Amino acid sequence: MVFGGPGGPPGRGQAPPLRLAQPRPLHLRPPAHCLQQSKHHTGGAALRAGGGKPLPYILSTDGDMRIRKRMPDSKRKLRPSPCRGGACPLPSAMLPKRKRIRLDSTRYAESARVFSIIIGTSPRCNIFSDLAFGHECIELLNALSHHKGNPVFAYCLMPDHVHLLIGVSPASPLVSFVAAWKSQCHKAHRRRGTARRFWQRSFYDHALREQEDLIATVHYILNNPVRRKLVADYRQYPLCGSFEYEV
């Protein structure tokens, strides 16, 4: 097959020259009802021109470039979490496990055993900067100690955590004693007009060994405000003391 030369008319059996069609411009101007809802723009070309709020419409990403109205944020439905209701897709072996910080339950019920414990506030709020509330918690601790029979050798209420040196009573294990005191403090705080919880979920404990000096541990707990440079002497700190010793 022979084609015509450049510039010549096509002869018999010759293909006509190809012509590229001019692309038709897309007019993306939004309809009139969309323009009337916007007070910041008069055209649909700039969605955020001038730093104003976006127009209440968006351009669809499908082939025909339709214009649809934007759904208000108040009517959008959030996708539910797959782990709500106990139906988590991850197997139990892959889920993070909470670190066990408790000893065997029988250890907390052994009579005459002494524990040094630390109870934190959540999220490390300075709840005991309110000295009146701190004194009320100390009175609750003293009353509970006499009622349950757990000796409190030392206590120190720092602004965002508490140090206690407590003995175990045969009728009152350590865990139940601490839980009861935390509950009473929370109720007292709620009576003051604040229902928000301020205790951490659990507490840290250390069982004193036979070779550890009880009096030295008492002085170590009482000197926490001195190490934090809150006072020069622990006797100047109003939220520390002992129900068993003269300090």
Protein backbone atom coordinates (compact mmCIF):
# COMPACT_ATOMS: atom_id res chain seq x y z
CA MET A 1 0.00 0.00 0.00
CA VAL A 2 1.37 3.38 -1.02
CA PHE A 3 0.58 6.49 0.96
CA GLY A 4 0.52 9.96 -0.41
CA GLY A 5 3.50 12.21 0.10
CA PRO A 6 3.56 14.88 2.70
CA GLY A 7 1.18 17.67 1.89
CA GLY A 8 -0.43 15.80 -1.04
CA PRO A 9 -4.03 14.66 -1.17
CA PRO A 10 -4.61 11.03 -0.26
CA GLY A 11 -5.10 8.78 -3.28
CA ARG A 12 -6.95 5.50 -3.63
CA GLY A 13 -6.00 3.09 -0.91
CA GLN A 14 -4.40 5.81 1.14
CA ALA A 15 -5.47 6.45 4.74
CA PRO A 16 -6.65 9.96 5.60
CA PRO A 17 -4.35 11.97 7.87
CA LEU A 18 -5.06 11.69 11.61
CA ARG A 19 -6.46 14.69 13.40
CA LEU A 20 -6.12 15.12 17.16
CA ALA A 21 -9.39 16.19 18.74
CA GLN A 22 -9.15 19.22 20.94
CA PRO A 23 -10.01 18.35 24.58
CA ARG A 24 -13.25 19.85 25.71
CA PRO A 25 -12.81 22.02 28.82
CA LEU A 26 -14.42 20.81 32.04
CA HIS A 27 -16.57 23.42 33.67
CA LEU A 28 -16.50 22.65 37.38
CA ARG A 29 -18.53 25.60 38.49
CA PRO A 30 -20.88 24.44 41.27
CA PRO A 31 -24.62 24.88 40.93
CA ALA A 32 -26.32 28.00 42.12
CA HIS A 33 -27.74 26.50 45.33
CA CYS A 34 -24.21 25.65 46.47
CA LEU A 35 -22.95 29.15 45.79
CA GLN A 36 -25.81 30.70 47.74
CA GLN A 37 -24.91 28.75 50.87
CA SER A 38 -21.42 30.21 51.02
CA LYS A 39 -20.84 33.70 52.37
CA HIS A 40 -17.10 33.73 51.77
CA HIS A 41 -16.82 32.93 48.04
CA THR A 42 -18.62 33.83 44.84
CA GLY A 43 -17.06 31.18 42.58
CA GLY A 44 -16.41 27.48 42.70
CA ALA A 45 -12.79 27.48 41.57
CA ALA A 46 -11.15 28.14 44.93
CA LEU A 47 -12.41 26.10 47.84
CA ARG A 48 -10.31 27.92 50.45
CA ALA A 49 -9.51 31.23 48.80
CA GLY A 50 -8.63 34.05 51.12
CA GLY A 51 -8.25 31.80 54.16
CA GLY A 52 -12.03 31.53 54.61
CA LYS A 53 -14.11 28.52 55.49
CA PRO A 54 -14.50 25.78 52.85
CA LEU A 55 -17.62 25.75 50.73
CA PRO A 56 -20.31 23.24 51.69
CA TYR A 57 -19.58 21.03 48.63
CA ILE A 58 -16.77 18.82 47.40
CA LEU A 59 -15.85 17.45 43.99
CA SER A 60 -16.60 13.76 43.58
CA THR A 61 -13.71 11.52 42.55
CA ASP A 62 -15.69 9.36 40.13
CA GLY A 63 -15.45 9.64 36.36
CA ASP A 64 -18.08 12.24 35.58
CA MET A 65 -16.84 14.72 38.24
CA ARG A 66 -20.23 15.28 39.79
CA ILE A 67 -20.56 17.88 42.52
CA ARG A 68 -22.20 16.77 45.73
CA LYS A 69 -22.90 18.56 48.98
CA ARG A 70 -20.59 18.05 51.93
CA MET A 71 -22.17 16.18 54.85
CA PRO A 72 -22.04 18.18 58.10
CA ASP A 73 -19.65 16.86 60.71
CA SER A 74 -22.49 16.50 63.22
CA LYS A 75 -24.25 13.96 60.97
CA ARG A 76 -21.21 11.86 60.14
CA LYS A 77 -21.18 8.43 61.74
CA LEU A 78 -17.92 7.29 63.27
CA ARG A 79 -16.77 3.81 62.37
CA PRO A 80 -17.06 1.62 65.49
CA SER A 81 -13.89 0.17 66.91
CA PRO A 82 -13.49 -3.55 66.09
CA CYS A 83 -12.40 -4.23 69.68
CA ARG A 84 -15.56 -2.90 71.34
CA GLY A 85 -17.89 -5.38 72.90
CA GLY A 86 -15.18 -7.96 73.35
CA ALA A 87 -14.95 -8.78 69.63
CA CYS A 88 -11.35 -7.87 68.95
CA PRO A 89 -9.91 -9.40 65.76
CA LEU A 90 -6.49 -9.89 67.38
CA PRO A 91 -5.92 -13.20 69.12
CA SER A 92 -5.48 -13.09 72.87
CA ALA A 93 -1.84 -14.15 72.58
CA MET A 94 -1.03 -10.96 70.62
CA LEU A 95 -2.77 -8.54 73.00
CA PRO A 96 -0.57 -6.69 75.51
CA LYS A 97 -0.73 -8.18 78.98
CA ARG A 98 -0.80 -6.11 82.15
CA LYS A 99 2.31 -6.62 84.22
CA ARG A 100 1.62 -8.52 87.43
CA ILE A 101 3.01 -6.59 90.37
CA ARG A 102 1.26 -8.47 93.17
CA LEU A 103 2.75 -11.24 95.30
CA ASP A 104 0.83 -14.35 96.19
CA SER A 105 -2.36 -13.43 98.07
CA THR A 106 -1.29 -15.44 101.13
CA ARG A 107 1.73 -13.17 101.60
CA TYR A 108 -0.53 -10.15 102.19
CA ALA A 109 -2.43 -12.00 104.92
CA GLU A 110 0.58 -13.16 106.96
CA SER A 111 0.34 -11.70 110.44
CA ALA A 112 3.09 -9.34 111.64
CA ARG A 113 4.43 -8.76 108.12
CA VAL A 114 5.20 -5.13 107.26
CA PHE A 115 4.87 -3.62 103.78
CA SER A 116 6.16 -0.38 102.36
CA ILE A 117 3.75 0.73 99.63
CA ILE A 118 3.47 3.61 97.17
CA ILE A 119 0.12 4.77 95.78
CA GLY A 120 0.19 7.19 92.87
CA THR A 121 -2.42 9.63 91.67
CA SER A 122 -3.71 9.53 88.13
CA PRO A 123 -2.54 11.24 86.02
CA ARG A 124 0.04 12.38 88.58
CA CYS A 125 -2.14 15.27 89.69
CA ASN A 126 -1.16 17.26 92.79
CA ILE A 127 -4.29 16.25 94.67
CA PHE A 128 -2.68 16.54 98.11
CA SER A 129 -1.56 20.09 97.55
CA ASP A 130 -4.94 20.75 99.19
CA LEU A 131 -3.78 20.41 102.80
CA ALA A 132 -7.33 20.30 104.19
CA PHE A 133 -8.16 17.30 102.04
CA GLY A 134 -4.83 15.71 102.97
CA HIS A 135 -5.61 16.03 106.69
CA GLU A 136 -9.03 14.49 106.12
CA CYS A 137 -7.43 11.49 104.39
CA ILE A 138 -5.00 11.10 107.32
CA GLU A 139 -7.93 11.07 109.76
CA LEU A 140 -9.62 8.39 107.65
CA LEU A 141 -6.40 6.38 107.65
CA ASN A 142 -6.13 6.62 111.44
CA ALA A 143 -9.74 5.55 111.99
CA LEU A 144 -9.40 2.65 109.56
CA SER A 145 -6.18 1.53 111.25
CA HIS A 146 -7.88 1.34 114.64
CA HIS A 147 -10.95 -0.37 113.17
CA LYS A 148 -9.11 -3.03 111.14
CA GLY A 149 -6.16 -3.49 113.46
CA ASN A 150 -3.49 -2.68 110.85
CA PRO A 151 -0.65 -0.68 112.41
CA VAL A 152 0.53 2.30 110.34
CA PHE A 153 4.17 2.83 111.22
CA ALA A 154 4.65 5.76 108.82
CA TYR A 155 2.68 7.78 106.30
CA CYS A 156 3.64 10.59 103.94
CA LEU A 157 1.18 12.20 101.56
CA MET A 158 3.23 13.84 98.82
CA PRO A 159 1.41 16.14 96.36
CA ASP A 160 1.05 13.42 93.68
CA HIS A 161 1.63 10.12 95.53
CA VAL A 162 1.46 8.50 98.96
CA HIS A 163 3.99 6.48 101.00
CA LEU A 164 2.68 4.09 103.67
CA LEU A 165 4.40 1.62 106.00
CA ILE A 166 1.66 -0.76 107.12
CA GLY A 167 1.55 -3.94 109.15
CA VAL A 168 -0.75 -6.86 108.32
CA SER A 169 -3.58 -7.82 110.66
CA PRO A 170 -4.99 -11.38 110.80
CA ALA A 171 -8.48 -10.03 110.11
CA SER A 172 -7.44 -7.44 107.48
CA PRO A 173 -5.12 -8.32 104.59
CA LEU A 174 -3.06 -5.52 103.09
CA VAL A 175 -4.86 -5.34 99.74
CA SER A 176 -8.32 -4.99 101.31
CA PHE A 177 -7.03 -2.38 103.79
CA VAL A 178 -5.53 -0.20 101.05
CA ALA A 179 -8.63 -0.59 98.85
CA ALA A 180 -10.89 0.50 101.72
CA TRP A 181 -8.79 3.60 102.44
CA LYS A 182 -8.63 4.59 98.78
CA SER A 183 -12.41 4.24 98.54
CA GLN A 184 -12.98 6.39 101.62
CA CYS A 185 -10.67 9.11 100.28
CA HIS A 186 -12.49 9.09 96.95
CA LYS A 187 -15.85 9.50 98.71
CA ALA A 188 -14.45 12.38 100.76
CA HIS A 189 -13.18 14.01 97.58
CA ARG A 190 -16.58 13.57 95.96
CA ARG A 191 -18.28 15.26 98.91
CA ARG A 192 -16.11 18.27 98.18
CA GLY A 193 -17.78 18.58 94.77
CA THR A 194 -15.37 16.65 92.54
CA ALA A 195 -16.46 13.23 91.29
CA ARG A 196 -13.36 12.58 89.17
CA ARG A 197 -11.25 9.63 90.30
CA PHE A 198 -7.71 10.50 91.26
CA TRP A 199 -6.13 7.21 92.38
CA GLN A 200 -4.10 4.91 90.20
CA ARG A 201 -5.55 1.46 89.61
CA SER A 202 -3.23 -0.39 91.97
CA PHE A 203 -0.15 0.25 94.12
CA TYR A 204 3.47 -0.82 94.47
CA ASP A 205 4.54 -2.74 97.54
CA HIS A 206 7.74 -4.02 99.13
CA ALA A 207 7.69 -6.57 101.94
CA LEU A 208 10.28 -5.71 104.56
CA ARG A 209 12.76 -8.50 105.20
CA GLU A 210 13.82 -9.55 108.67
CA GLN A 211 17.22 -7.88 108.33
CA GLU A 212 15.70 -4.53 107.32
CA ASP A 213 15.49 -1.97 110.09
CA LEU A 214 11.91 -0.84 110.69
CA ILE A 215 12.93 2.47 112.31
CA ALA A 216 15.28 3.28 109.44
CA THR A 217 12.46 2.64 106.95
CA VAL A 218 10.19 4.94 108.95
CA HIS A 219 12.72 7.78 108.76
CA TYR A 220 13.30 7.12 105.06
CA ILE A 221 9.57 7.56 104.34
CA LEU A 222 9.26 10.66 106.51
CA ASN A 223 12.19 12.32 104.72
CA ASN A 224 10.59 12.17 101.28
CA PRO A 225 9.56 15.87 101.43
CA VAL A 226 13.16 16.77 102.35
CA ARG A 227 14.56 14.88 99.36
CA ARG A 228 12.04 16.65 97.13
CA LYS A 229 13.20 19.96 98.66
CA LEU A 230 9.72 20.86 99.83
CA VAL A 231 10.90 21.48 103.40
CA ALA A 232 14.21 21.57 105.23
CA ASP A 233 13.05 19.16 107.97
CA TYR A 234 10.34 16.51 107.76
CA ARG A 235 8.72 17.86 110.94
CA GLN A 236 7.81 20.97 108.96
CA TYR A 237 5.76 18.94 106.46
CA PRO A 238 2.15 18.74 107.66
CA LEU A 239 1.14 15.51 105.87
CA CYS A 240 3.60 12.99 107.27
CA GLY A 241 3.88 11.16 110.57
CA SER A 242 3.28 7.86 112.36
CA PHE A 243 0.47 6.33 114.41
CA GLU A 244 2.84 3.96 116.24
CA TYR A 245 5.92 6.08 117.04
CA GLU A 246 6.60 9.53 118.39
CA VAL A 247 8.28 11.31 115.50
